[in-house]
Amino acid sequence: SGRDVSERFTVTRIDDDQYQLLPLAQNSSVSKVRLQFDQQTL
């Protein structure tokens, strides 16, 4: 949709290849999201 994810999540880099998203809303249906990349591929 083009909406900025940072409106609802904070983004933290775990290491060079991994990122964590935490919702800002207390009543979110999601607790956390983790992403892992290999080069530019998720």
PDB file of all heavy atoms in Angstrom:
ATOM      1  N   SER A   1       0.803  -1.205   0.000  1.00  0.00           N
ATOM      2  CA  SER A   1       0.000   0.000   0.000  1.00  0.00           C
ATOM      3  C   SER A   1       0.845   1.267   0.000  1.00  0.00           C
ATOM      4  O   SER A   1       0.334   2.346  -0.262  1.00  0.00           O
ATOM      5  CB  SER A   1      -0.914   0.019   1.231  1.00  0.00           C
ATOM      6  OG  SER A   1      -0.145   0.106   2.417  1.00  0.00           O
ATOM      7  N   GLY A   2       2.133   1.140   0.303  1.00  0.00           N
ATOM      8  CA  GLY A   2       2.989   2.308   0.376  1.00  0.00           C
ATOM      9  C   GLY A   2       2.987   2.970   1.741  1.00  0.00           C
ATOM     10  O   GLY A   2       3.701   3.943   1.962  1.00  0.00           O
ATOM     11  N   ARG A   3       2.174   2.454   2.651  1.00  0.00           N
ATOM     12  CA  ARG A   3       2.166   3.010   4.001  1.00  0.00           C
ATOM     13  C   ARG A   3       3.477   2.667   4.702  1.00  0.00           C
ATOM     14  O   ARG A   3       4.058   1.618   4.505  1.00  0.00           O
ATOM     15  CB  ARG A   3       0.985   2.471   4.789  1.00  0.00           C
ATOM     16  CG  ARG A   3      -0.369   2.856   4.233  1.00  0.00           C
ATOM     17  CD  ARG A   3      -1.477   2.244   5.060  1.00  0.00           C
ATOM     18  NE  ARG A   3      -1.435   2.755   6.426  1.00  0.00           N
ATOM     19  CZ  ARG A   3      -1.999   2.120   7.443  1.00  0.00           C
ATOM     20  NH1 ARG A   3      -2.584   0.948   7.268  1.00  0.00           N
ATOM     21  NH2 ARG A   3      -1.960   2.645   8.654  1.00  0.00           N
ATOM     22  N   ASP A   4       3.933   3.559   5.548  1.00  0.00           N
ATOM     23  CA  ASP A   4       5.192   3.396   6.244  1.00  0.00           C
ATOM     24  C   ASP A   4       5.007   2.438   7.416  1.00  0.00           C
ATOM     25  O   ASP A   4       4.210   2.688   8.317  1.00  0.00           O
ATOM     26  CB  ASP A   4       5.657   4.766   6.745  1.00  0.00           C
ATOM     27  CG  ASP A   4       7.094   4.739   7.238  1.00  0.00           C
ATOM     28  OD1 ASP A   4       7.606   3.647   7.506  1.00  0.00           O
ATOM     29  OD2 ASP A   4       7.686   5.821   7.346  1.00  0.00           O
ATOM     30  N   VAL A   5       5.754   1.347   7.418  1.00  0.00           N
ATOM     31  CA  VAL A   5       5.652   0.361   8.479  1.00  0.00           C
ATOM     32  C   VAL A   5       5.985   0.969   9.839  1.00  0.00           C
ATOM     33  O   VAL A   5       5.469   0.545  10.870  1.00  0.00           O
ATOM     34  CB  VAL A   5       6.583  -0.834   8.183  1.00  0.00           C
ATOM     35  CG1 VAL A   5       6.595  -1.821   9.337  1.00  0.00           C
ATOM     36  CG2 VAL A   5       6.135  -1.536   6.913  1.00  0.00           C
ATOM     37  N   SER A   6       6.830   2.004   9.834  1.00  0.00           N
ATOM     38  CA  SER A   6       7.225   2.605  11.101  1.00  0.00           C
ATOM     39  C   SER A   6       6.077   3.338  11.779  1.00  0.00           C
ATOM     40  O   SER A   6       6.210   3.762  12.922  1.00  0.00           O
ATOM     41  CB  SER A   6       8.401   3.569  10.884  1.00  0.00           C
ATOM     42  OG  SER A   6       8.031   4.638  10.028  1.00  0.00           O
ATOM     43  N   GLU A   7       4.931   3.489  11.082  1.00  0.00           N
ATOM     44  CA  GLU A   7       3.757   4.035  11.742  1.00  0.00           C
ATOM     45  C   GLU A   7       3.255   3.088  12.831  1.00  0.00           C
ATOM     46  O   GLU A   7       2.609   3.514  13.785  1.00  0.00           O
ATOM     47  CB  GLU A   7       2.634   4.271  10.728  1.00  0.00           C
ATOM     48  CG  GLU A   7       2.931   5.334   9.689  1.00  0.00           C
ATOM     49  CD  GLU A   7       1.818   5.441   8.678  1.00  0.00           C
ATOM     50  OE1 GLU A   7       0.748   4.820   8.889  1.00  0.00           O
ATOM     51  OE2 GLU A   7       2.002   6.143   7.660  1.00  0.00           O
ATOM     52  N   ARG A   8       3.514   1.796  12.672  1.00  0.00           N
ATOM     53  CA  ARG A   8       3.003   0.801  13.613  1.00  0.00           C
ATOM     54  C   ARG A   8       4.083  -0.078  14.241  1.00  0.00           C
ATOM     55  O   ARG A   8       3.797  -0.797  15.179  1.00  0.00           O
ATOM     56  CB  ARG A   8       1.993  -0.111  12.895  1.00  0.00           C
ATOM     57  CG  ARG A   8       0.805   0.626  12.288  1.00  0.00           C
ATOM     58  CD  ARG A   8      -0.115   1.178  13.369  1.00  0.00           C
ATOM     59  NE  ARG A   8      -1.246   1.896  12.806  1.00  0.00           N
ATOM     60  CZ  ARG A   8      -2.380   1.333  12.426  1.00  0.00           C
ATOM     61  NH1 ARG A   8      -2.544   0.041  12.570  1.00  0.00           N
ATOM     62  NH2 ARG A   8      -3.347   2.061  11.923  1.00  0.00           N
ATOM     63  N   PHE A   9       5.306  -0.055  13.700  1.00  0.00           N
ATOM     64  CA  PHE A   9       6.361  -0.936  14.199  1.00  0.00           C
ATOM     65  C   PHE A   9       7.651  -0.166  14.418  1.00  0.00           C
ATOM     66  O   PHE A   9       7.952   0.797  13.711  1.00  0.00           O
ATOM     67  CB  PHE A   9       6.653  -2.065  13.198  1.00  0.00           C
ATOM     68  CG  PHE A   9       5.557  -3.072  13.051  1.00  0.00           C
ATOM     69  CD1 PHE A   9       4.531  -2.864  12.133  1.00  0.00           C
ATOM     70  CD2 PHE A   9       5.543  -4.230  13.815  1.00  0.00           C
ATOM     71  CE1 PHE A   9       3.516  -3.790  11.983  1.00  0.00           C
ATOM     72  CE2 PHE A   9       4.533  -5.161  13.678  1.00  0.00           C
ATOM     73  CZ  PHE A   9       3.513  -4.939  12.764  1.00  0.00           C
ATOM     74  N   THR A  10       8.440  -0.617  15.390  1.00  0.00           N
ATOM     75  CA  THR A  10       9.836  -0.223  15.472  1.00  0.00           C
ATOM     76  C   THR A  10      10.672  -1.333  14.830  1.00  0.00           C
ATOM     77  O   THR A  10      10.307  -2.514  14.879  1.00  0.00           O
ATOM     78  CB  THR A  10      10.292  -0.025  16.924  1.00  0.00           C
ATOM     79  OG1 THR A  10      10.099  -1.240  17.668  1.00  0.00           O
ATOM     80  CG2 THR A  10       9.513   1.091  17.576  1.00  0.00           C
ATOM     81  N   VAL A  11      11.782  -0.949  14.234  1.00  0.00           N
ATOM     82  CA  VAL A  11      12.633  -1.891  13.506  1.00  0.00           C
ATOM     83  C   VAL A  11      14.003  -1.909  14.161  1.00  0.00           C
ATOM     84  O   VAL A  11      14.624  -0.869  14.354  1.00  0.00           O
ATOM     85  CB  VAL A  11      12.768  -1.481  12.023  1.00  0.00           C
ATOM     86  CG1 VAL A  11      13.611  -2.516  11.268  1.00  0.00           C
ATOM     87  CG2 VAL A  11      11.400  -1.324  11.375  1.00  0.00           C
ATOM     88  N   THR A  12      14.486  -3.100  14.509  1.00  0.00           N
ATOM     89  CA  THR A  12      15.787  -3.254  15.136  1.00  0.00           C
ATOM     90  C   THR A  12      16.611  -4.255  14.339  1.00  0.00           C
ATOM     91  O   THR A  12      16.111  -5.314  13.967  1.00  0.00           O
ATOM     92  CB  THR A  12      15.651  -3.768  16.582  1.00  0.00           C
ATOM     93  OG1 THR A  12      14.830  -2.872  17.322  1.00  0.00           O
ATOM     94  CG2 THR A  12      17.022  -3.884  17.248  1.00  0.00           C
ATOM     95  N   ARG A  13      17.850  -3.915  14.060  1.00  0.00           N
ATOM     96  CA  ARG A  13      18.738  -4.866  13.393  1.00  0.00           C
ATOM     97  C   ARG A  13      19.329  -5.806  14.427  1.00  0.00           C
ATOM     98  O   ARG A  13      19.988  -5.368  15.377  1.00  0.00           O
ATOM     99  CB  ARG A  13      19.864  -4.141  12.645  1.00  0.00           C
ATOM    100  CG  ARG A  13      20.656  -5.105  11.753  1.00  0.00           C
ATOM    101  CD  ARG A  13      21.677  -4.388  10.915  1.00  0.00           C
ATOM    102  NE  ARG A  13      22.816  -3.950  11.685  1.00  0.00           N
ATOM    103  CZ  ARG A  13      23.960  -3.504  11.152  1.00  0.00           C
ATOM    104  NH1 ARG A  13      24.073  -3.420   9.843  1.00  0.00           N
ATOM    105  NH2 ARG A  13      24.948  -3.121  11.926  1.00  0.00           N
ATOM    106  N   ILE A  14      19.109  -7.121  14.256  1.00  0.00           N
ATOM    107  CA  ILE A  14      19.647  -8.128  15.174  1.00  0.00           C
ATOM    108  C   ILE A  14      21.117  -8.376  14.863  1.00  0.00           C
ATOM    109  O   ILE A  14      21.964  -8.439  15.753  1.00  0.00           O
ATOM    110  CB  ILE A  14      18.842  -9.434  15.082  1.00  0.00           C
ATOM    111  CG1 ILE A  14      17.373  -9.176  15.436  1.00  0.00           C
ATOM    112  CG2 ILE A  14      19.439 -10.498  15.992  1.00  0.00           C
ATOM    113  CD1 ILE A  14      16.474 -10.367  15.214  1.00  0.00           C
ATOM    114  N   ASP A  15      21.416  -8.590  13.577  1.00  0.00           N
ATOM    115  CA  ASP A  15      22.792  -8.717  13.101  1.00  0.00           C
ATOM    116  C   ASP A  15      22.810  -8.276  11.648  1.00  0.00           C
ATOM    117  O   ASP A  15      21.873  -7.631  11.179  1.00  0.00           O
ATOM    118  CB  ASP A  15      23.336 -10.149  13.294  1.00  0.00           C
ATOM    119  CG  ASP A  15      22.479 -11.208  12.609  1.00  0.00           C
ATOM    120  OD1 ASP A  15      21.878 -10.907  11.552  1.00  0.00           O
ATOM    121  OD2 ASP A  15      22.401 -12.336  13.120  1.00  0.00           O
ATOM    122  N   ASP A  16      23.871  -8.620  10.923  1.00  0.00           N
ATOM    123  CA  ASP A  16      24.006  -8.144   9.549  1.00  0.00           C
ATOM    124  C   ASP A  16      22.880  -8.632   8.641  1.00  0.00           C
ATOM    125  O   ASP A  16      22.592  -7.998   7.625  1.00  0.00           O
ATOM    126  CB  ASP A  16      25.352  -8.587   8.964  1.00  0.00           C
ATOM    127  CG  ASP A  16      26.517  -7.817   9.573  1.00  0.00           C
ATOM    128  OD1 ASP A  16      26.260  -6.775  10.198  1.00  0.00           O
ATOM    129  OD2 ASP A  16      27.666  -8.272   9.420  1.00  0.00           O
ATOM    130  N   ASP A  17      22.265  -9.755   8.986  1.00  0.00           N
ATOM    131  CA  ASP A  17      21.276 -10.353   8.099  1.00  0.00           C
ATOM    132  C   ASP A  17      19.871 -10.407   8.674  1.00  0.00           C
ATOM    133  O   ASP A  17      18.940 -10.815   7.976  1.00  0.00           O
ATOM    134  CB  ASP A  17      21.697 -11.789   7.726  1.00  0.00           C
ATOM    135  CG  ASP A  17      23.010 -11.826   6.979  1.00  0.00           C
ATOM    136  OD1 ASP A  17      23.187 -11.007   6.065  1.00  0.00           O
ATOM    137  OD2 ASP A  17      23.871 -12.661   7.321  1.00  0.00           O
ATOM    138  N   GLN A  18      19.682 -10.038   9.939  1.00  0.00           N
ATOM    139  CA  GLN A  18      18.386 -10.221  10.580  1.00  0.00           C
ATOM    140  C   GLN A  18      17.857  -8.920  11.175  1.00  0.00           C
ATOM    141  O   GLN A  18      18.626  -8.119  11.711  1.00  0.00           O
ATOM    142  CB  GLN A  18      18.485 -11.272  11.693  1.00  0.00           C
ATOM    143  CG  GLN A  18      18.860 -12.655  11.207  1.00  0.00           C
ATOM    144  CD  GLN A  18      18.781 -13.670  12.329  1.00  0.00           C
ATOM    145  OE1 GLN A  18      17.700 -14.039  12.794  1.00  0.00           O
ATOM    146  NE2 GLN A  18      19.937 -14.129  12.789  1.00  0.00           N
ATOM    147  N   TYR A  19      16.515  -8.771  11.095  1.00  0.00           N
ATOM    148  CA  TYR A  19      15.841  -7.595  11.625  1.00  0.00           C
ATOM    149  C   TYR A  19      14.612  -8.031  12.401  1.00  0.00           C
ATOM    150  O   TYR A  19      13.992  -9.043  12.077  1.00  0.00           O
ATOM    151  CB  TYR A  19      15.413  -6.651  10.488  1.00  0.00           C
ATOM    152  CG  TYR A  19      16.575  -6.124   9.695  1.00  0.00           C
ATOM    153  CD1 TYR A  19      17.152  -6.896   8.690  1.00  0.00           C
ATOM    154  CD2 TYR A  19      17.108  -4.867   9.947  1.00  0.00           C
ATOM    155  CE1 TYR A  19      18.231  -6.423   7.961  1.00  0.00           C
ATOM    156  CE2 TYR A  19      18.186  -4.381   9.227  1.00  0.00           C
ATOM    157  CZ  TYR A  19      18.744  -5.166   8.237  1.00  0.00           C
ATOM    158  OH  TYR A  19      19.816  -4.707   7.526  1.00  0.00           O
ATOM    159  N   GLN A  20      14.280  -7.253  13.415  1.00  0.00           N
ATOM    160  CA  GLN A  20      13.094  -7.528  14.218  1.00  0.00           C
ATOM    161  C   GLN A  20      12.144  -6.337  14.167  1.00  0.00           C
ATOM    162  O   GLN A  20      12.575  -5.183  14.260  1.00  0.00           O
ATOM    163  CB  GLN A  20      13.472  -7.816  15.664  1.00  0.00           C
ATOM    164  CG  GLN A  20      12.294  -8.119  16.580  1.00  0.00           C
ATOM    165  CD  GLN A  20      12.739  -8.562  17.948  1.00  0.00           C
ATOM    166  OE1 GLN A  20      12.882  -9.744  18.224  1.00  0.00           O
ATOM    167  NE2 GLN A  20      12.967  -7.602  18.837  1.00  0.00           N
ATOM    168  N   LEU A  21      10.838  -6.631  14.012  1.00  0.00           N
ATOM    169  CA  LEU A  21       9.798  -5.616  14.030  1.00  0.00           C
ATOM    170  C   LEU A  21       8.930  -5.842  15.256  1.00  0.00           C
ATOM    171  O   LEU A  21       8.466  -6.959  15.487  1.00  0.00           O
ATOM    172  CB  LEU A  21       8.920  -5.698  12.776  1.00  0.00           C
ATOM    173  CG  LEU A  21       9.441  -5.103  11.470  1.00  0.00           C
ATOM    174  CD1 LEU A  21      10.667  -5.851  10.964  1.00  0.00           C
ATOM    175  CD2 LEU A  21       8.338  -5.136  10.406  1.00  0.00           C
ATOM    176  N   LEU A  22       8.717  -4.789  16.043  1.00  0.00           N
ATOM    177  CA  LEU A  22       7.856  -4.864  17.214  1.00  0.00           C
ATOM    178  C   LEU A  22       6.715  -3.862  17.045  1.00  0.00           C
ATOM    179  O   LEU A  22       6.957  -2.693  16.716  1.00  0.00           O
ATOM    180  CB  LEU A  22       8.634  -4.544  18.485  1.00  0.00           C
ATOM    181  CG  LEU A  22       9.785  -5.484  18.850  1.00  0.00           C
ATOM    182  CD1 LEU A  22      10.502  -4.987  20.095  1.00  0.00           C
ATOM    183  CD2 LEU A  22       9.277  -6.904  19.052  1.00  0.00           C
ATOM    184  N   PRO A  23       5.472  -4.293  17.268  1.00  0.00           N
ATOM    185  CA  PRO A  23       4.335  -3.386  17.083  1.00  0.00           C
ATOM    186  C   PRO A  23       4.303  -2.302  18.154  1.00  0.00           C
ATOM    187  O   PRO A  23       4.647  -2.544  19.316  1.00  0.00           O
ATOM    188  CB  PRO A  23       3.122  -4.313  17.197  1.00  0.00           C
ATOM    189  CG  PRO A  23       3.592  -5.443  18.057  1.00  0.00           C
ATOM    190  CD  PRO A  23       5.045  -5.638  17.709  1.00  0.00           C
ATOM    191  N   LEU A  24       3.887  -1.124  17.756  1.00  0.00           N
ATOM    192  CA  LEU A  24       3.737  -0.032  18.705  1.00  0.00           C
ATOM    193  C   LEU A  24       2.426  -0.133  19.472  1.00  0.00           C
ATOM    194  O   LEU A  24       2.348   0.265  20.630  1.00  0.00           O
ATOM    195  CB  LEU A  24       3.812   1.307  17.966  1.00  0.00           C
ATOM    196  CG  LEU A  24       5.140   1.610  17.268  1.00  0.00           C
ATOM    197  CD1 LEU A  24       5.023   2.905  16.466  1.00  0.00           C
ATOM    198  CD2 LEU A  24       6.266   1.714  18.280  1.00  0.00           C
ATOM    199  N   ALA A  25       1.395  -0.676  18.830  1.00  0.00           N
ATOM    200  CA  ALA A  25       0.079  -0.775  19.467  1.00  0.00           C
ATOM    201  C   ALA A  25       0.059  -1.918  20.470  1.00  0.00           C
ATOM    202  O   ALA A  25       0.526  -3.025  20.193  1.00  0.00           O
ATOM    203  CB  ALA A  25      -1.002  -0.994  18.416  1.00  0.00           C
ATOM    204  N   GLN A  26      -0.504  -1.675  21.648  1.00  0.00           N
ATOM    205  CA  GLN A  26      -0.578  -2.704  22.680  1.00  0.00           C
ATOM    206  C   GLN A  26      -1.553  -3.809  22.318  1.00  0.00           C
ATOM    207  O   GLN A  26      -1.403  -4.941  22.774  1.00  0.00           O
ATOM    208  CB  GLN A  26      -0.969  -2.073  24.016  1.00  0.00           C
ATOM    209  CG  GLN A  26       0.085  -1.122  24.583  1.00  0.00           C
ATOM    210  CD  GLN A  26      -0.297  -0.591  25.949  1.00  0.00           C
ATOM    211  OE1 GLN A  26      -1.404  -0.822  26.431  1.00  0.00           O
ATOM    212  NE2 GLN A  26       0.620   0.122  26.582  1.00  0.00           N
ATOM    213  N   ASN A  27      -2.565  -3.507  21.505  1.00  0.00           N
ATOM    214  CA  ASN A  27      -3.583  -4.506  21.161  1.00  0.00           C
ATOM    215  C   ASN A  27      -3.353  -5.117  19.789  1.00  0.00           C
ATOM    216  O   ASN A  27      -4.270  -5.648  19.174  1.00  0.00           O
ATOM    217  CB  ASN A  27      -4.975  -3.875  21.210  1.00  0.00           C
ATOM    218  CG  ASN A  27      -5.124  -2.720  20.225  1.00  0.00           C
ATOM    219  OD1 ASN A  27      -4.125  -2.232  19.686  1.00  0.00           O
ATOM    220  ND2 ASN A  27      -6.352  -2.299  19.993  1.00  0.00           N
ATOM    221  N   SER A  28      -2.128  -5.066  19.288  1.00  0.00           N
ATOM    222  CA  SER A  28      -1.830  -5.638  17.981  1.00  0.00           C
ATOM    223  C   SER A  28      -2.018  -7.149  17.997  1.00  0.00           C
ATOM    224  O   SER A  28      -1.771  -7.818  19.007  1.00  0.00           O
ATOM    225  CB  SER A  28      -0.391  -5.303  17.575  1.00  0.00           C
ATOM    226  OG  SER A  28      -0.034  -5.965  16.380  1.00  0.00           O
ATOM    227  N   SER A  29      -2.441  -7.712  16.863  1.00  0.00           N
ATOM    228  CA  SER A  29      -2.572  -9.165  16.746  1.00  0.00           C
ATOM    229  C   SER A  29      -1.222  -9.848  16.591  1.00  0.00           C
ATOM    230  O   SER A  29      -1.129 -11.072  16.670  1.00  0.00           O
ATOM    231  CB  SER A  29      -3.469  -9.512  15.546  1.00  0.00           C
ATOM    232  OG  SER A  29      -2.886  -9.033  14.345  1.00  0.00           O
ATOM    233  N   VAL A  30      -0.171  -9.079  16.380  1.00  0.00           N
ATOM    234  CA  VAL A  30       1.176  -9.608  16.193  1.00  0.00           C
ATOM    235  C   VAL A  30       2.054  -9.172  17.356  1.00  0.00           C
ATOM    236  O   VAL A  30       2.024  -8.004  17.770  1.00  0.00           O
ATOM    237  CB  VAL A  30       1.780  -9.102  14.869  1.00  0.00           C
ATOM    238  CG1 VAL A  30       3.241  -9.490  14.757  1.00  0.00           C
ATOM    239  CG2 VAL A  30       0.991  -9.651  13.691  1.00  0.00           C
ATOM    240  N   SER A  31       2.830 -10.104  17.900  1.00  0.00           N
ATOM    241  CA  SER A  31       3.746  -9.788  18.994  1.00  0.00           C
ATOM    242  C   SER A  31       5.091  -9.311  18.457  1.00  0.00           C
ATOM    243  O   SER A  31       5.636  -8.315  18.924  1.00  0.00           O
ATOM    244  CB  SER A  31       3.931 -11.019  19.879  1.00  0.00           C
ATOM    245  OG  SER A  31       4.912 -10.781  20.866  1.00  0.00           O
ATOM    246  N   LYS A  32       5.629 -10.029  17.471  1.00  0.00           N
ATOM    247  CA  LYS A  32       6.894  -9.614  16.863  1.00  0.00           C
ATOM    248  C   LYS A  32       7.081 -10.322  15.533  1.00  0.00           C
ATOM    249  O   LYS A  32       6.486 -11.370  15.264  1.00  0.00           O
ATOM    250  CB  LYS A  32       8.080  -9.896  17.789  1.00  0.00           C
ATOM    251  CG  LYS A  32       8.294 -11.354  18.128  1.00  0.00           C
ATOM    252  CD  LYS A  32       9.457 -11.510  19.118  1.00  0.00           C
ATOM    253  CE  LYS A  32       9.608 -12.967  19.573  1.00  0.00           C
ATOM    254  NZ  LYS A  32      10.713 -13.123  20.550  1.00  0.00           N
ATOM    255  N   VAL A  33       7.935  -9.733  14.699  1.00  0.00           N
ATOM    256  CA  VAL A  33       8.254 -10.277  13.379  1.00  0.00           C
ATOM    257  C   VAL A  33       9.771 -10.290  13.244  1.00  0.00           C
ATOM    258  O   VAL A  33      10.442  -9.323  13.616  1.00  0.00           O
ATOM    259  CB  VAL A  33       7.639  -9.423  12.256  1.00  0.00           C
ATOM    260  CG1 VAL A  33       8.027  -9.977  10.881  1.00  0.00           C
ATOM    261  CG2 VAL A  33       6.121  -9.361  12.389  1.00  0.00           C
ATOM    262  N   ARG A  34      10.307 -11.377  12.711  1.00  0.00           N
ATOM    263  CA  ARG A  34      11.743 -11.449  12.442  1.00  0.00           C
ATOM    264  C   ARG A  34      11.973 -11.727  10.967  1.00  0.00           C
ATOM    265  O   ARG A  34      11.321 -12.591  10.373  1.00  0.00           O
ATOM    266  CB  ARG A  34      12.395 -12.552  13.291  1.00  0.00           C
ATOM    267  CG  ARG A  34      13.912 -12.657  13.096  1.00  0.00           C
ATOM    268  CD  ARG A  34      14.540 -13.528  14.176  1.00  0.00           C
ATOM    269  NE  ARG A  34      14.151 -14.919  14.042  1.00  0.00           N
ATOM    270  CZ  ARG A  34      14.853 -15.842  13.373  1.00  0.00           C
ATOM    271  NH1 ARG A  34      15.979 -15.502  12.754  1.00  0.00           N
ATOM    272  NH2 ARG A  34      14.448 -17.089  13.330  1.00  0.00           N
ATOM    273  N   LEU A  35      12.898 -10.983  10.371  1.00  0.00           N
ATOM    274  CA  LEU A  35      13.250 -11.144   8.960  1.00  0.00           C
ATOM    275  C   LEU A  35      14.706 -11.544   8.852  1.00  0.00           C
ATOM    276  O   LEU A  35      15.543 -11.025   9.590  1.00  0.00           O
ATOM    277  CB  LEU A  35      13.056  -9.827   8.193  1.00  0.00           C
ATOM    278  CG  LEU A  35      11.771  -9.041   8.401  1.00  0.00           C
ATOM    279  CD1 LEU A  35      11.853  -7.726   7.652  1.00  0.00           C
ATOM    280  CD2 LEU A  35      10.582  -9.850   7.941  1.00  0.00           C
ATOM    281  N   GLN A  36      15.010 -12.442   7.910  1.00  0.00           N
ATOM    282  CA  GLN A  36      16.400 -12.801   7.659  1.00  0.00           C
ATOM    283  C   GLN A  36      16.671 -12.740   6.163  1.00  0.00           C
ATOM    284  O   GLN A  36      15.888 -13.262   5.355  1.00  0.00           O
ATOM    285  CB  GLN A  36      16.718 -14.200   8.185  1.00  0.00           C
ATOM    286  CG  GLN A  36      18.168 -14.610   7.971  1.00  0.00           C
ATOM    287  CD  GLN A  36      18.497 -15.938   8.635  1.00  0.00           C
ATOM    288  OE1 GLN A  36      17.920 -16.299   9.656  1.00  0.00           O
ATOM    289  NE2 GLN A  36      19.434 -16.664   8.061  1.00  0.00           N
ATOM    290  N   PHE A  37      17.776 -12.097   5.793  1.00  0.00           N
ATOM    291  CA  PHE A  37      18.152 -11.928   4.402  1.00  0.00           C
ATOM    292  C   PHE A  37      19.400 -12.736   4.078  1.00  0.00           C
ATOM    293  O   PHE A  37      20.239 -12.992   4.940  1.00  0.00           O
ATOM    294  CB  PHE A  37      18.437 -10.455   4.100  1.00  0.00           C
ATOM    295  CG  PHE A  37      17.216  -9.589   4.089  1.00  0.00           C
ATOM    296  CD1 PHE A  37      16.712  -9.049   5.267  1.00  0.00           C
ATOM    297  CD2 PHE A  37      16.562  -9.304   2.905  1.00  0.00           C
ATOM    298  CE1 PHE A  37      15.593  -8.246   5.263  1.00  0.00           C
ATOM    299  CE2 PHE A  37      15.438  -8.503   2.884  1.00  0.00           C
ATOM    300  CZ  PHE A  37      14.946  -7.976   4.060  1.00  0.00           C
ATOM    301  N   ASP A  38      19.515 -13.098   2.803  1.00  0.00           N
ATOM    302  CA  ASP A  38      20.753 -13.622   2.232  1.00  0.00           C
ATOM    303  C   ASP A  38      21.061 -12.736   1.032  1.00  0.00           C
ATOM    304  O   ASP A  38      20.353 -12.785   0.025  1.00  0.00           O
ATOM    305  CB  ASP A  38      20.578 -15.079   1.798  1.00  0.00           C
ATOM    306  CG  ASP A  38      21.859 -15.668   1.222  1.00  0.00           C
ATOM    307  OD1 ASP A  38      22.879 -14.955   1.168  1.00  0.00           O
ATOM    308  OD2 ASP A  38      21.839 -16.841   0.805  1.00  0.00           O
ATOM    309  N   GLN A  39      22.104 -11.920   1.155  1.00  0.00           N
ATOM    310  CA  GLN A  39      22.343 -10.864   0.179  1.00  0.00           C
ATOM    311  C   GLN A  39      21.110  -9.955   0.159  1.00  0.00           C
ATOM    312  O   GLN A  39      20.730  -9.413   1.164  1.00  0.00           O
ATOM    313  CB  GLN A  39      22.647 -11.466  -1.199  1.00  0.00           C
ATOM    314  CG  GLN A  39      23.841 -12.404  -1.222  1.00  0.00           C
ATOM    315  CD  GLN A  39      25.147 -11.713  -0.861  1.00  0.00           C
ATOM    316  OE1 GLN A  39      25.372 -10.547  -1.206  1.00  0.00           O
ATOM    317  NE2 GLN A  39      25.998 -12.403  -0.120  1.00  0.00           N
ATOM    318  N   GLN A  40      20.456  -9.813  -1.019  1.00  0.00           N
ATOM    319  CA  GLN A  40      19.264  -8.979  -1.112  1.00  0.00           C
ATOM    320  C   GLN A  40      17.984  -9.810  -1.179  1.00  0.00           C
ATOM    321  O   GLN A  40      16.931  -9.307  -1.574  1.00  0.00           O
ATOM    322  CB  GLN A  40      19.357  -8.075  -2.346  1.00  0.00           C
ATOM    323  CG  GLN A  40      20.420  -6.999  -2.224  1.00  0.00           C
ATOM    324  CD  GLN A  40      20.186  -6.100  -1.013  1.00  0.00           C
ATOM    325  OE1 GLN A  40      19.086  -5.621  -0.786  1.00  0.00           O
ATOM    326  NE2 GLN A  40      21.235  -5.873  -0.232  1.00  0.00           N
ATOM    327  N   THR A  41      18.048 -11.065  -0.772  1.00  0.00           N
ATOM    328  CA  THR A  41      16.893 -11.953  -0.842  1.00  0.00           C
ATOM    329  C   THR A  41      16.382 -12.266   0.555  1.00  0.00           C
ATOM    330  O   THR A  41      17.159 -12.614   1.451  1.00  0.00           O
ATOM    331  CB  THR A  41      17.272 -13.275  -1.539  1.00  0.00           C
ATOM    332  OG1 THR A  41      17.761 -12.991  -2.850  1.00  0.00           O
ATOM    333  CG2 THR A  41      16.061 -14.191  -1.655  1.00  0.00           C
ATOM    334  N   LEU A  42      15.073 -12.128   0.751  1.00  0.00           N
ATOM    335  CA  LEU A  42      14.453 -12.501   2.022  1.00  0.00           C
ATOM    336  C   LEU A  42      14.292 -14.016   2.055  1.00  0.00           C
ATOM    337  O   LEU A  42      13.607 -14.596   1.212  1.00  0.00           O
ATOM    338  CB  LEU A  42      13.083 -11.829   2.160  1.00  0.00           C
ATOM    339  CG  LEU A  42      12.324 -12.117   3.453  1.00  0.00           C
ATOM    340  CD1 LEU A  42      13.056 -11.517   4.654  1.00  0.00           C
ATOM    341  CD2 LEU A  42      10.904 -11.547   3.374  1.00  0.00           C
TER     342      LEU A  42
END
